[in-house]
Every structure is written in structure tokens, then in C-alpha cells.
PDB file of N, CA and C in Angstrom:
ATOM      1  N   UNK A   1     -11.768 -47.492-137.413  1.00  0.00           N
ATOM      2  CA  UNK A   1     -11.666 -48.942-137.322  1.00  0.00           C
ATOM      3  C   UNK A   1     -10.252 -49.292-136.873  1.00  0.00           C
ATOM      4  N   UNK A   2     -10.149 -50.185-135.963  1.00  0.00           N
ATOM      5  CA  UNK A   2      -8.874 -50.589-135.416  1.00  0.00           C
ATOM      6  C   UNK A   2      -8.077 -51.375-136.462  1.00  0.00           C
ATOM      7  N   UNK A   3      -6.844 -50.954-136.702  1.00  0.00           N
ATOM      8  CA  UNK A   3      -6.014 -51.558-137.739  1.00  0.00           C
ATOM      9  C   UNK A   3      -5.760 -53.044-137.491  1.00  0.00           C
ATOM     10  N   UNK A   4      -5.465 -53.410-136.255  1.00  0.00           N
ATOM     11  CA  UNK A   4      -5.181 -54.813-135.943  1.00  0.00           C
ATOM     12  C   UNK A   4      -6.400 -55.696-136.226  1.00  0.00           C
ATOM     13  N   UNK A   5      -7.576 -55.204-135.867  1.00  0.00           N
ATOM     14  CA  UNK A   5      -8.791 -55.970-136.128  1.00  0.00           C
ATOM     15  C   UNK A   5      -9.021 -56.096-137.628  1.00  0.00           C
ATOM     16  N   UNK A   6      -8.806 -55.014-138.349  1.00  0.00           N
ATOM     17  CA  UNK A   6      -8.963 -55.022-139.797  1.00  0.00           C
ATOM     18  C   UNK A   6      -8.035 -56.061-140.428  1.00  0.00           C
ATOM     19  N   UNK A   7      -6.777 -56.079-140.002  1.00  0.00           N
ATOM     20  CA  UNK A   7      -5.815 -57.045-140.533  1.00  0.00           C
ATOM     21  C   UNK A   7      -6.221 -58.477-140.192  1.00  0.00           C
ATOM     22  N   UNK A   8      -6.695 -58.688-138.982  1.00  0.00           N
ATOM     23  CA  UNK A   8      -7.095 -60.033-138.575  1.00  0.00           C
ATOM     24  C   UNK A   8      -8.305 -60.519-139.378  1.00  0.00           C
ATOM     25  N   UNK A   9      -9.298 -59.669-139.530  1.00  0.00           N
ATOM     26  CA  UNK A   9     -10.487 -60.060-140.286  1.00  0.00           C
ATOM     27  C   UNK A   9     -10.114 -60.370-141.732  1.00  0.00           C
ATOM     28  N   UNK A  10      -9.262 -59.546-142.331  1.00  0.00           N
ATOM     29  CA  UNK A  10      -8.835 -59.811-143.701  1.00  0.00           C
ATOM     30  C   UNK A  10      -8.047 -61.121-143.801  1.00  0.00           C
ATOM     31  N   UNK A  11      -7.231 -61.415-142.801  1.00  0.00           N
ATOM     32  CA  UNK A  11      -6.482 -62.675-142.800  1.00  0.00           C
ATOM     33  C   UNK A  11      -7.426 -63.862-142.656  1.00  0.00           C
ATOM     34  N   UNK A  12      -8.370 -63.769-141.731  1.00  0.00           N
ATOM     35  CA  UNK A  12      -9.338 -64.855-141.554  1.00  0.00           C
ATOM     36  C   UNK A  12     -10.168 -65.046-142.816  1.00  0.00           C
ATOM     37  N   UNK A  13     -10.482 -63.946-143.463  1.00  0.00           N
ATOM     38  CA  UNK A  13     -11.253 -64.010-144.698  1.00  0.00           C
ATOM     39  C   UNK A  13     -10.499 -64.795-145.772  1.00  0.00           C
ATOM     40  N   UNK A  14      -9.191 -64.649-145.823  1.00  0.00           N
ATOM     41  CA  UNK A  14      -8.383 -65.398-146.788  1.00  0.00           C
ATOM     42  C   UNK A  14      -8.550 -66.912-146.604  1.00  0.00           C
ATOM     43  N   UNK A  15      -8.666 -67.335-145.374  1.00  0.00           N
ATOM     44  CA  UNK A  15      -8.759 -68.765-145.093  1.00  0.00           C
ATOM     45  C   UNK A  15     -10.186 -69.312-145.153  1.00  0.00           C
ATOM     46  N   UNK A  16     -11.139 -68.519-144.710  1.00  0.00           N
ATOM     47  CA  UNK A  16     -12.496 -69.047-144.525  1.00  0.00           C
ATOM     48  C   UNK A  16     -13.539 -68.462-145.476  1.00  0.00           C
ATOM     49  N   UNK A  17     -13.111 -67.700-146.453  1.00  0.00           N
ATOM     50  CA  UNK A  17     -14.038 -67.080-147.406  1.00  0.00           C
ATOM     51  C   UNK A  17     -14.969 -68.094-148.078  1.00  0.00           C
ATOM     52  N   UNK A  18     -14.493 -69.269-148.469  1.00  0.00           N
ATOM     53  CA  UNK A  18     -15.409 -70.226-149.118  1.00  0.00           C
ATOM     54  C   UNK A  18     -16.551 -70.708-148.220  1.00  0.00           C
ATOM     55  N   UNK A  19     -16.443 -70.492-146.922  1.00  0.00           N
ATOM     56  CA  UNK A  19     -17.475 -70.938-145.990  1.00  0.00           C
ATOM     57  C   UNK A  19     -18.575 -69.892-145.776  1.00  0.00           C
ATOM     58  N   UNK A  20     -18.397 -68.713-146.348  1.00  0.00           N
ATOM     59  CA  UNK A  20     -19.365 -67.640-146.172  1.00  0.00           C
ATOM     60  C   UNK A  20     -20.411 -67.650-147.286  1.00  0.00           C
ATOM     61  N   UNK A  21     -21.569 -67.084-146.969  1.00  0.00           N
ATOM     62  CA  UNK A  21     -22.586 -66.898-148.010  1.00  0.00           C
ATOM     63  C   UNK A  21     -22.136 -65.751-148.916  1.00  0.00           C
ATOM     64  N   UNK A  22     -22.768 -65.637-150.062  1.00  0.00           N
ATOM     65  CA  UNK A  22     -22.413 -64.553-150.987  1.00  0.00           C
ATOM     66  C   UNK A  22     -22.604 -63.185-150.341  1.00  0.00           C
ATOM     67  N   UNK A  23     -23.708 -63.006-149.622  1.00  0.00           N
ATOM     68  CA  UNK A  23     -23.983 -61.715-148.987  1.00  0.00           C
ATOM     69  C   UNK A  23     -22.945 -61.419-147.899  1.00  0.00           C
ATOM     70  N   UNK A  24     -22.628 -62.416-147.080  1.00  0.00           N
ATOM     71  CA  UNK A  24     -21.613 -62.215-146.051  1.00  0.00           C
ATOM     72  C   UNK A  24     -20.289 -61.802-146.686  1.00  0.00           C
ATOM     73  N   UNK A  25     -19.924 -62.510-147.726  1.00  0.00           N
ATOM     74  CA  UNK A  25     -18.659 -62.233-148.408  1.00  0.00           C
ATOM     75  C   UNK A  25     -18.636 -60.815-148.982  1.00  0.00           C
ATOM     76  N   UNK A  26     -19.716 -60.417-149.633  1.00  0.00           N
ATOM     77  CA  UNK A  26     -19.775 -59.077-150.225  1.00  0.00           C
ATOM     78  C   UNK A  26     -19.675 -57.989-149.163  1.00  0.00           C
ATOM     79  N   UNK A  27     -20.479 -58.089-148.120  1.00  0.00           N
ATOM     80  CA  UNK A  27     -20.483 -57.067-147.074  1.00  0.00           C
ATOM     81  C   UNK A  27     -19.122 -56.967-146.394  1.00  0.00           C
ATOM     82  N   UNK A  28     -18.563 -58.105-146.021  1.00  0.00           N
ATOM     83  CA  UNK A  28     -17.308 -58.100-145.258  1.00  0.00           C
ATOM     84  C   UNK A  28     -16.153 -57.592-146.117  1.00  0.00           C
ATOM     85  N   UNK A  29     -16.156 -57.951-147.391  1.00  0.00           N
ATOM     86  CA  UNK A  29     -15.095 -57.455-148.277  1.00  0.00           C
ATOM     87  C   UNK A  29     -15.213 -55.949-148.488  1.00  0.00           C
ATOM     88  N   UNK A  30     -16.431 -55.477-148.708  1.00  0.00           N
ATOM     89  CA  UNK A  30     -16.614 -54.040-148.891  1.00  0.00           C
ATOM     90  C   UNK A  30     -16.200 -53.266-147.643  1.00  0.00           C
ATOM     91  N   UNK A  31     -16.561 -53.787-146.483  1.00  0.00           N
ATOM     92  CA  UNK A  31     -16.297 -53.066-145.239  1.00  0.00           C
ATOM     93  C   UNK A  31     -14.827 -53.145-144.831  1.00  0.00           C
ATOM     94  N   UNK A  32     -14.259 -54.348-144.812  1.00  0.00           N
ATOM     95  CA  UNK A  32     -12.893 -54.513-144.306  1.00  0.00           C
ATOM     96  C   UNK A  32     -11.820 -54.384-145.378  1.00  0.00           C
ATOM     97  N   UNK A  33     -12.058 -54.893-146.556  1.00  0.00           N
ATOM     98  CA  UNK A  33     -11.020 -54.850-147.587  1.00  0.00           C
ATOM     99  C   UNK A  33     -11.074 -53.562-148.398  1.00  0.00           C
ATOM    100  N   UNK A  34     -12.288 -53.102-148.734  1.00  0.00           N
ATOM    101  CA  UNK A  34     -12.420 -51.930-149.593  1.00  0.00           C
ATOM    102  C   UNK A  34     -12.716 -50.642-148.825  1.00  0.00           C
ATOM    103  N   UNK A  35     -12.873 -50.743-147.516  1.00  0.00           N
ATOM    104  CA  UNK A  35     -13.056 -49.591-146.628  1.00  0.00           C
ATOM    105  C   UNK A  35     -14.320 -48.781-146.927  1.00  0.00           C
ATOM    106  N   UNK A  36     -15.382 -49.466-147.310  1.00  0.00           N
ATOM    107  CA  UNK A  36     -16.678 -48.801-147.474  1.00  0.00           C
ATOM    108  C   UNK A  36     -17.272 -48.551-146.093  1.00  0.00           C
ATOM    109  N   UNK A  37     -18.076 -47.526-145.973  1.00  0.00           N
ATOM    110  CA  UNK A  37     -18.782 -47.267-144.721  1.00  0.00           C
ATOM    111  C   UNK A  37     -20.050 -48.124-144.685  1.00  0.00           C
ATOM    112  N   UNK A  38     -20.631 -48.238-143.499  1.00  0.00           N
ATOM    113  CA  UNK A  38     -21.898 -48.973-143.377  1.00  0.00           C
ATOM    114  C   UNK A  38     -22.967 -48.333-144.260  1.00  0.00           C
ATOM    115  N   UNK A  39     -22.990 -47.002-144.283  1.00  0.00           N
ATOM    116  CA  UNK A  39     -23.970 -46.282-145.096  1.00  0.00           C
ATOM    117  C   UNK A  39     -23.809 -46.550-146.583  1.00  0.00           C
ATOM    118  N   UNK A  40     -22.571 -46.594-147.046  1.00  0.00           N
ATOM    119  CA  UNK A  40     -22.324 -46.867-148.470  1.00  0.00           C
ATOM    120  C   UNK A  40     -22.775 -48.271-148.854  1.00  0.00           C
ATOM    121  N   UNK A  41     -22.487 -49.226-147.990  1.00  0.00           N
ATOM    122  CA  UNK A  41     -22.900 -50.604-148.262  1.00  0.00           C
ATOM    123  C   UNK A  41     -24.421 -50.698-148.246  1.00  0.00           C
ATOM    124  N   UNK A  42     -25.037 -50.065-147.243  1.00  0.00           N
ATOM    125  CA  UNK A  42     -26.498 -50.080-147.133  1.00  0.00           C
ATOM    126  C   UNK A  42     -27.135 -49.487-148.378  1.00  0.00           C
ATOM    127  N   UNK A  43     -26.580 -48.398-148.851  1.00  0.00           N
ATOM    128  CA  UNK A  43     -27.120 -47.746-150.048  1.00  0.00           C
ATOM    129  C   UNK A  43     -26.977 -48.654-151.275  1.00  0.00           C
ATOM    130  N   UNK A  44     -25.833 -49.304-151.421  1.00  0.00           N
ATOM    131  CA  UNK A  44     -25.592 -50.185-152.576  1.00  0.00           C
ATOM    132  C   UNK A  44     -26.541 -51.379-152.604  1.00  0.00           C
ATOM    133  N   UNK A  45     -26.942 -51.856-151.421  1.00  0.00           N
ATOM    134  CA  UNK A  45     -27.784 -53.046-151.349  1.00  0.00           C
ATOM    135  C   UNK A  45     -29.231 -52.730-150.979  1.00  0.00           C
ATOM    136  N   UNK A  46     -29.539 -51.460-150.863  1.00  0.00           N
ATOM    137  CA  UNK A  46     -30.899 -51.009-150.530  1.00  0.00           C
ATOM    138  C   UNK A  46     -31.422 -51.665-149.252  1.00  0.00           C
ATOM    139  N   UNK A  47     -30.575 -51.619-148.221  1.00  0.00           N
ATOM    140  CA  UNK A  47     -30.951 -52.134-146.903  1.00  0.00           C
ATOM    141  C   UNK A  47     -30.563 -51.078-145.871  1.00  0.00           C
ATOM    142  N   UNK A  48     -30.947 -51.304-144.642  1.00  0.00           N
ATOM    143  CA  UNK A  48     -30.613 -50.337-143.588  1.00  0.00           C
ATOM    144  C   UNK A  48     -29.159 -50.506-143.134  1.00  0.00           C
ATOM    145  N   UNK A  49     -28.633 -49.451-142.550  1.00  0.00           N
ATOM    146  CA  UNK A  49     -27.286 -49.519-141.974  1.00  0.00           C
ATOM    147  C   UNK A  49     -27.236 -50.588-140.885  1.00  0.00           C
ATOM    148  N   UNK A  50     -28.332 -50.692-140.120  1.00  0.00           N
ATOM    149  CA  UNK A  50     -28.396 -51.682-139.044  1.00  0.00           C
ATOM    150  C   UNK A  50     -28.304 -53.092-139.606  1.00  0.00           C
ATOM    151  N   UNK A  51     -28.951 -53.337-140.744  1.00  0.00           N
ATOM    152  CA  UNK A  51     -28.887 -54.665-141.372  1.00  0.00           C
ATOM    153  C   UNK A  51     -27.453 -54.997-141.791  1.00  0.00           C
ATOM    154  N   UNK A  52     -26.775 -54.014-142.340  1.00  0.00           N
ATOM    155  CA  UNK A  52     -25.376 -54.213-142.745  1.00  0.00           C
ATOM    156  C   UNK A  52     -24.518 -54.469-141.514  1.00  0.00           C
ATOM    157  N   UNK A  53     -24.690 -53.641-140.490  1.00  0.00           N
ATOM    158  CA  UNK A  53     -23.925 -53.788-139.249  1.00  0.00           C
ATOM    159  C   UNK A  53     -24.128 -55.174-138.643  1.00  0.00           C
ATOM    160  N   UNK A  54     -25.381 -55.613-138.552  1.00  0.00           N
ATOM    161  CA  UNK A  54     -25.687 -56.925-137.976  1.00  0.00           C
ATOM    162  C   UNK A  54     -25.054 -58.040-138.787  1.00  0.00           C
ATOM    163  N   UNK A  55     -25.119 -57.934-140.109  1.00  0.00           N
ATOM    164  CA  UNK A  55     -24.542 -58.955-140.973  1.00  0.00           C
ATOM    165  C   UNK A  55     -23.028 -59.024-140.792  1.00  0.00           C
ATOM    166  N   UNK A  56     -22.389 -57.870-140.768  1.00  0.00           N
ATOM    167  CA  UNK A  56     -20.925 -57.836-140.606  1.00  0.00           C
ATOM    168  C   UNK A  56     -20.527 -58.388-139.241  1.00  0.00           C
ATOM    169  N   UNK A  57     -21.251 -58.000-138.217  1.00  0.00           N
ATOM    170  CA  UNK A  57     -20.951 -58.477-136.866  1.00  0.00           C
ATOM    171  C   UNK A  57     -21.076 -60.004-136.793  1.00  0.00           C
ATOM    172  N   UNK A  58     -22.153 -60.559-137.367  1.00  0.00           N
ATOM    173  CA  UNK A  58     -22.333 -62.015-137.379  1.00  0.00           C
ATOM    174  C   UNK A  58     -21.256 -62.708-138.214  1.00  0.00           C
ATOM    175  N   UNK A  59     -20.867 -62.079-139.299  1.00  0.00           N
ATOM    176  CA  UNK A  59     -19.851 -62.677-140.167  1.00  0.00           C
ATOM    177  C   UNK A  59     -18.493 -62.718-139.472  1.00  0.00           C
ATOM    178  N   UNK A  60     -18.128 -61.646-138.789  1.00  0.00           N
ATOM    179  CA  UNK A  60     -16.866 -61.629-138.047  1.00  0.00           C
ATOM    180  C   UNK A  60     -16.890 -62.697-136.964  1.00  0.00           C
ATOM    181  N   UNK A  61     -18.000 -62.832-136.286  1.00  0.00           N
ATOM    182  CA  UNK A  61     -18.123 -63.888-135.272  1.00  0.00           C
ATOM    183  C   UNK A  61     -17.978 -65.265-135.910  1.00  0.00           C
ATOM    184  N   UNK A  62     -18.585 -65.465-137.076  1.00  0.00           N
ATOM    185  CA  UNK A  62     -18.472 -66.748-137.773  1.00  0.00           C
ATOM    186  C   UNK A  62     -17.017 -67.024-138.153  1.00  0.00           C
ATOM    187  N   UNK A  63     -16.313 -66.009-138.648  1.00  0.00           N
ATOM    188  CA  UNK A  63     -14.905 -66.185-139.005  1.00  0.00           C
ATOM    189  C   UNK A  63     -14.076 -66.564-137.774  1.00  0.00           C
ATOM    190  N   UNK A  64     -14.338 -65.880-136.656  1.00  0.00           N
ATOM    191  CA  UNK A  64     -13.613 -66.195-135.415  1.00  0.00           C
ATOM    192  C   UNK A  64     -13.959 -67.609-134.927  1.00  0.00           C
ATOM    193  N   UNK A  65     -15.207 -68.016-135.072  1.00  0.00           N
ATOM    194  CA  UNK A  65     -15.613 -69.370-134.681  1.00  0.00           C
ATOM    195  C   UNK A  65     -14.911 -70.419-135.539  1.00  0.00           C
ATOM    196  N   UNK A  66     -14.832 -70.175-136.845  1.00  0.00           N
ATOM    197  CA  UNK A  66     -14.112 -71.102-137.723  1.00  0.00           C
ATOM    198  C   UNK A  66     -12.658 -71.217-137.297  1.00  0.00           C
ATOM    199  N   UNK A  67     -12.035 -70.084-137.004  1.00  0.00           N
ATOM    200  CA  UNK A  67     -10.631 -70.101-136.595  1.00  0.00           C
ATOM    201  C   UNK A  67     -10.454 -70.817-135.260  1.00  0.00           C
ATOM    202  N   UNK A  68     -11.377 -70.615-134.347  1.00  0.00           N
ATOM    203  CA  UNK A  68     -11.289 -71.277-133.043  1.00  0.00           C
ATOM    204  C   UNK A  68     -11.351 -72.789-133.198  1.00  0.00           C
ATOM    205  N   UNK A  69     -12.120 -73.258-134.165  1.00  0.00           N
ATOM    206  CA  UNK A  69     -12.272 -74.700-134.372  1.00  0.00           C
ATOM    207  C   UNK A  69     -11.202 -75.291-135.276  1.00  0.00           C
ATOM    208  N   UNK A  70     -10.787 -74.563-136.292  1.00  0.00           N
ATOM    209  CA  UNK A  70      -9.907 -75.129-137.313  1.00  0.00           C
ATOM    210  C   UNK A  70      -8.454 -74.677-137.222  1.00  0.00           C
ATOM    211  N   UNK A  71      -8.197 -73.523-136.652  1.00  0.00           N
ATOM    212  CA  UNK A  71      -6.842 -72.996-136.423  1.00  0.00           C
ATOM    213  C   UNK A  71      -6.004 -72.836-137.697  1.00  0.00           C
ATOM    214  N   UNK A  72      -6.622 -72.607-138.835  1.00  0.00           N
ATOM    215  CA  UNK A  72      -5.861 -72.491-140.077  1.00  0.00           C
ATOM    216  C   UNK A  72      -4.941 -71.269-140.061  1.00  0.00           C
ATOM    217  N   UNK A  73      -5.451 -70.144-139.618  1.00  0.00           N
ATOM    218  CA  UNK A  73      -4.638 -68.925-139.591  1.00  0.00           C
ATOM    219  C   UNK A  73      -3.527 -69.035-138.550  1.00  0.00           C
ATOM    220  N   UNK A  74      -3.859 -69.488-137.360  1.00  0.00           N
ATOM    221  CA  UNK A  74      -2.854 -69.638-136.293  1.00  0.00           C
ATOM    222  C   UNK A  74      -1.725 -70.556-136.741  1.00  0.00           C
ATOM    223  N   UNK A  75      -2.070 -71.689-137.334  1.00  0.00           N
ATOM    224  CA  UNK A  75      -1.056 -72.639-137.784  1.00  0.00           C
ATOM    225  C   UNK A  75      -0.217 -72.060-138.923  1.00  0.00           C
ATOM    226  N   UNK A  76      -0.847 -71.294-139.805  1.00  0.00           N
ATOM    227  CA  UNK A  76      -0.132 -70.631-140.888  1.00  0.00           C
ATOM    228  C   UNK A  76       0.926 -69.684-140.331  1.00  0.00           C
ATOM    229  N   UNK A  77       0.547 -68.884-139.344  1.00  0.00           N
ATOM    230  CA  UNK A  77       1.480 -67.941-138.726  1.00  0.00           C
ATOM    231  C   UNK A  77       2.634 -68.686-138.066  1.00  0.00           C
ATOM    232  N   UNK A  78       2.333 -69.755-137.344  1.00  0.00           N
ATOM    233  CA  UNK A  78       3.384 -70.539-136.681  1.00  0.00           C
ATOM    234  C   UNK A  78       4.346 -71.147-137.698  1.00  0.00           C
ATOM    235  N   UNK A  79       3.798 -71.711-138.780  1.00  0.00           N
ATOM    236  CA  UNK A  79       4.658 -72.296-139.815  1.00  0.00           C
ATOM    237  C   UNK A  79       5.572 -71.247-140.426  1.00  0.00           C
ATOM    238  N   UNK A  80       5.037 -70.063-140.674  1.00  0.00           N
ATOM    239  CA  UNK A  80       5.853 -68.997-141.256  1.00  0.00           C
ATOM    240  C   UNK A  80       6.949 -68.536-140.302  1.00  0.00           C
ATOM    241  N   UNK A  81       6.633 -68.457-139.018  1.00  0.00           N
ATOM    242  CA  UNK A  81       7.641 -68.073-138.034  1.00  0.00           C
ATOM    243  C   UNK A  81       8.760 -69.107-137.978  1.00  0.00           C
ATOM    244  N   UNK A  82       8.395 -70.384-137.972  1.00  0.00           N
ATOM    245  CA  UNK A  82       9.406 -71.439-137.951  1.00  0.00           C
ATOM    246  C   UNK A  82      10.232 -71.437-139.234  1.00  0.00           C
ATOM    247  N   UNK A  83       9.589 -71.227-140.353  1.00  0.00           N
ATOM    248  CA  UNK A  83      10.313 -71.178-141.624  1.00  0.00           C
ATOM    249  C   UNK A  83      11.313 -70.023-141.629  1.00  0.00           C
ATOM    250  N   UNK A  84      10.919 -68.878-141.091  1.00  0.00           N
ATOM    251  CA  UNK A  84      11.831 -67.741-141.010  1.00  0.00           C
ATOM    252  C   UNK A  84      13.026 -68.055-140.119  1.00  0.00           C
ATOM    253  N   UNK A  85      12.785 -68.737-138.999  1.00  0.00           N
ATOM    254  CA  UNK A  85      13.873 -69.108-138.096  1.00  0.00           C
ATOM    255  C   UNK A  85      14.831 -70.092-138.770  1.00  0.00           C
ATOM    256  N   UNK A  86      14.276 -71.060-139.479  1.00  0.00           N
ATOM    257  CA  UNK A  86      15.111 -72.041-140.182  1.00  0.00           C
ATOM    258  C   UNK A  86      15.940 -71.344-141.261  1.00  0.00           C
ATOM    259  N   UNK A  87      15.293 -70.481-142.013  1.00  0.00           N
ATOM    260  CA  UNK A  87      15.984 -69.765-143.083  1.00  0.00           C
ATOM    261  C   UNK A  87      17.138 -68.943-142.519  1.00  0.00           C
ATOM    262  N   UNK A  88      16.893 -68.236-141.420  1.00  0.00           N
ATOM    263  CA  UNK A  88      17.942 -67.425-140.810  1.00  0.00           C
ATOM    264  C   UNK A  88      19.083 -68.302-140.294  1.00  0.00           C
ATOM    265  N   UNK A  89      18.756 -69.431-139.693  1.00  0.00           N
ATOM    266  CA  UNK A  89      19.776 -70.349-139.169  1.00  0.00           C
ATOM    267  C   UNK A  89      20.660 -70.869-140.306  1.00  0.00           C
ATOM    268  N   UNK A  90      20.026 -71.269-141.391  1.00  0.00           N
ATOM    269  CA  UNK A  90      20.777 -71.789-142.542  1.00  0.00           C
ATOM    270  C   UNK A  90      21.671 -70.694-143.118  1.00  0.00           C
ATOM    271  N   UNK A  91      21.136 -69.472-143.232  1.00  0.00           N
ATOM    272  CA  UNK A  91      21.949 -68.366-143.762  1.00  0.00           C
ATOM    273  C   UNK A  91      23.149 -68.071-142.861  1.00  0.00           C
ATOM    274  N   UNK A  92      22.934 -68.175-141.544  1.00  0.00           N
ATOM    275  CA  UNK A  92      24.007 -67.870-140.587  1.00  0.00           C
ATOM    276  C   UNK A  92      25.060 -68.973-140.517  1.00  0.00           C
ATOM    277  N   UNK A  93      24.622 -70.248-140.609  1.00  0.00           N
ATOM    278  CA  UNK A  93      25.531 -71.358-140.342  1.00  0.00           C
ATOM    279  C   UNK A  93      25.930 -72.167-141.579  1.00  0.00           C
ATOM    280  N   UNK A  94      25.130 -72.103-142.623  1.00  0.00           N
ATOM    281  CA  UNK A  94      25.414 -72.894-143.822  1.00  0.00           C
ATOM    282  C   UNK A  94      25.207 -72.065-145.092  1.00  0.00           C
ATOM    283  N   UNK A  95      25.832 -70.910-145.171  1.00  0.00           N
ATOM    284  CA  UNK A  95      25.565 -70.032-146.310  1.00  0.00           C
ATOM    285  C   UNK A  95      26.036 -70.611-147.656  1.00  0.00           C
ATOM    286  N   UNK A  96      26.988 -71.517-147.635  1.00  0.00           N
ATOM    287  CA  UNK A  96      27.542 -72.055-148.880  1.00  0.00           C
ATOM    288  C   UNK A  96      26.904 -73.374-149.303  1.00  0.00           C
ATOM    289  N   UNK A  97      26.018 -73.920-148.498  1.00  0.00           N
ATOM    290  CA  UNK A  97      25.366 -75.196-148.839  1.00  0.00           C
ATOM    291  C   UNK A  97      24.208 -74.913-149.790  1.00  0.00           C
ATOM    292  N   UNK A  98      24.480 -75.042-151.082  1.00  0.00           N
ATOM    293  CA  UNK A  98      23.485 -74.700-152.094  1.00  0.00           C
ATOM    294  C   UNK A  98      22.241 -75.579-152.000  1.00  0.00           C
ATOM    295  N   UNK A  99      22.421 -76.861-151.741  1.00  0.00           N
ATOM    296  CA  UNK A  99      21.277 -77.774-151.671  1.00  0.00           C
ATOM    297  C   UNK A  99      20.367 -77.410-150.492  1.00  0.00           C
ATOM    298  N   UNK A 100      20.961 -77.190-149.332  1.00  0.00           N
ATOM    299  CA  UNK A 100      20.186 -76.830-148.147  1.00  0.00           C
ATOM    300  C   UNK A 100      19.473 -75.496-148.353  1.00  0.00           C
ATOM    301  N   UNK A 101      20.151 -74.531-148.922  1.00  0.00           N
ATOM    302  CA  UNK A 101      19.528 -73.233-149.201  1.00  0.00           C
ATOM    303  C   UNK A 101      18.394 -73.368-150.204  1.00  0.00           C
ATOM    304  N   UNK A 102      18.543 -74.243-151.191  1.00  0.00           N
ATOM    305  CA  UNK A 102      17.475 -74.476-152.166  1.00  0.00           C
ATOM    306  C   UNK A 102      16.249 -75.075-151.477  1.00  0.00           C
ATOM    307  N   UNK A 103      16.461 -76.033-150.574  1.00  0.00           N
ATOM    308  CA  UNK A 103      15.354 -76.639-149.833  1.00  0.00           C
ATOM    309  C   UNK A 103      14.637 -75.602-148.967  1.00  0.00           C
ATOM    310  N   UNK A 104      15.402 -74.807-148.274  1.00  0.00           N
ATOM    311  CA  UNK A 104      14.819 -73.797-147.392  1.00  0.00           C
ATOM    312  C   UNK A 104      14.036 -72.773-148.203  1.00  0.00           C
ATOM    313  N   UNK A 105      14.596 -72.319-149.286  1.00  0.00           N
ATOM    314  CA  UNK A 105      13.891 -71.343-150.122  1.00  0.00           C
ATOM    315  C   UNK A 105      12.641 -71.955-150.747  1.00  0.00           C
ATOM    316  N   UNK A 106      12.654 -73.254-150.977  1.00  0.00           N
ATOM    317  CA  UNK A 106      11.484 -73.939-151.525  1.00  0.00           C
ATOM    318  C   UNK A 106      10.330 -74.006-150.550  1.00  0.00           C
ATOM    319  N   UNK A 107      10.612 -73.876-149.265  1.00  0.00           N
ATOM    320  CA  UNK A 107       9.535 -73.896-148.260  1.00  0.00           C
ATOM    321  C   UNK A 107       8.582 -72.735-148.471  1.00  0.00           C
ATOM    322  N   UNK A 108       9.088 -71.624-148.949  1.00  0.00           N
ATOM    323  CA  UNK A 108       8.250 -70.440-149.151  1.00  0.00           C
ATOM    324  C   UNK A 108       7.180 -70.666-150.223  1.00  0.00           C
ATOM    325  N   UNK A 109       7.497 -71.459-151.214  1.00  0.00           N
ATOM    326  CA  UNK A 109       6.537 -71.691-152.293  1.00  0.00           C
ATOM    327  C   UNK A 109       5.474 -72.714-151.928  1.00  0.00           C
ATOM    328  N   UNK A 110       5.690 -73.483-150.880  1.00  0.00           N
ATOM    329  CA  UNK A 110       4.704 -74.499-150.484  1.00  0.00           C
ATOM    330  C   UNK A 110       3.364 -73.874-150.104  1.00  0.00           C
ATOM    331  N   UNK A 111       3.385 -72.751-149.422  1.00  0.00           N
ATOM    332  CA  UNK A 111       2.154 -72.095-148.991  1.00  0.00           C
ATOM    333  C   UNK A 111       1.377 -71.532-150.178  1.00  0.00           C
ATOM    334  N   UNK A 112       2.063 -71.235-151.254  1.00  0.00           N
ATOM    335  CA  UNK A 112       1.424 -70.630-152.410  1.00  0.00           C
ATOM    336  C   UNK A 112       0.705 -71.659-153.291  1.00  0.00           C
ATOM    337  N   UNK A 113       1.074 -72.907-153.164  1.00  0.00           N
ATOM    338  CA  UNK A 113       0.517 -73.940-154.040  1.00  0.00           C
ATOM    339  C   UNK A 113      -0.881 -74.350-153.668  1.00  0.00           C
TER     340      UNK A 113
END
């Protein structure tokens, strides 16, 4: 499995997991997050490997469709890149400004809330 694709699917899953059915969520998590094989998933759910493969393929497409329409992951990445640039600028040019550094460091906790 391609590492970049695995990372992307896991990232999209973080944003769009509530939009998936229980079965989609279970299959995709087992396959991409827990590294189960198609055969292992099929055995656990008493279905064919083809059924698991089809479900995972449709789920990945659904995740990509959600991202294409909503851009939650793309915007998250852009915000983080800008925050990193701001943080570096403040560290380079205003290292002694405690208030400004506190504000910049507080940006990191906004995404967690």
C-alpha cells in the first residue's frame, strides 16, 4: 500500500468520519489505520474479499468527494502552514515580545478545541 495514499486516507478520515456508515468506518479503519488485509477483514465480517474491496474503494471515493466539496483537510493544511510561518517570523523578529509569542503559541491550541 502506498504510504502517501495511506496518510491521505487517514487524514480525510479524521475530518469526514462522522459522514460514513458504521460499516464503511469499520472497514476503512481496519484497512488503513490498523493495517488489516482484505482477507482478514472479510473473515471477521463473514463476507467476500471482493465485498470488502468494493466497500473500501467506494468509501475512499466518498472521502475524496467530501474533500473536493468541503475542503476541510486542504484548508487545515494551509492554516497550519501559515501558522508555522507566522510563528517562525515572530521567533526571528520579536523573540522578546511575550504577549505576541503567547498569541502565536495560542494559535496551535485553536485546532484542538
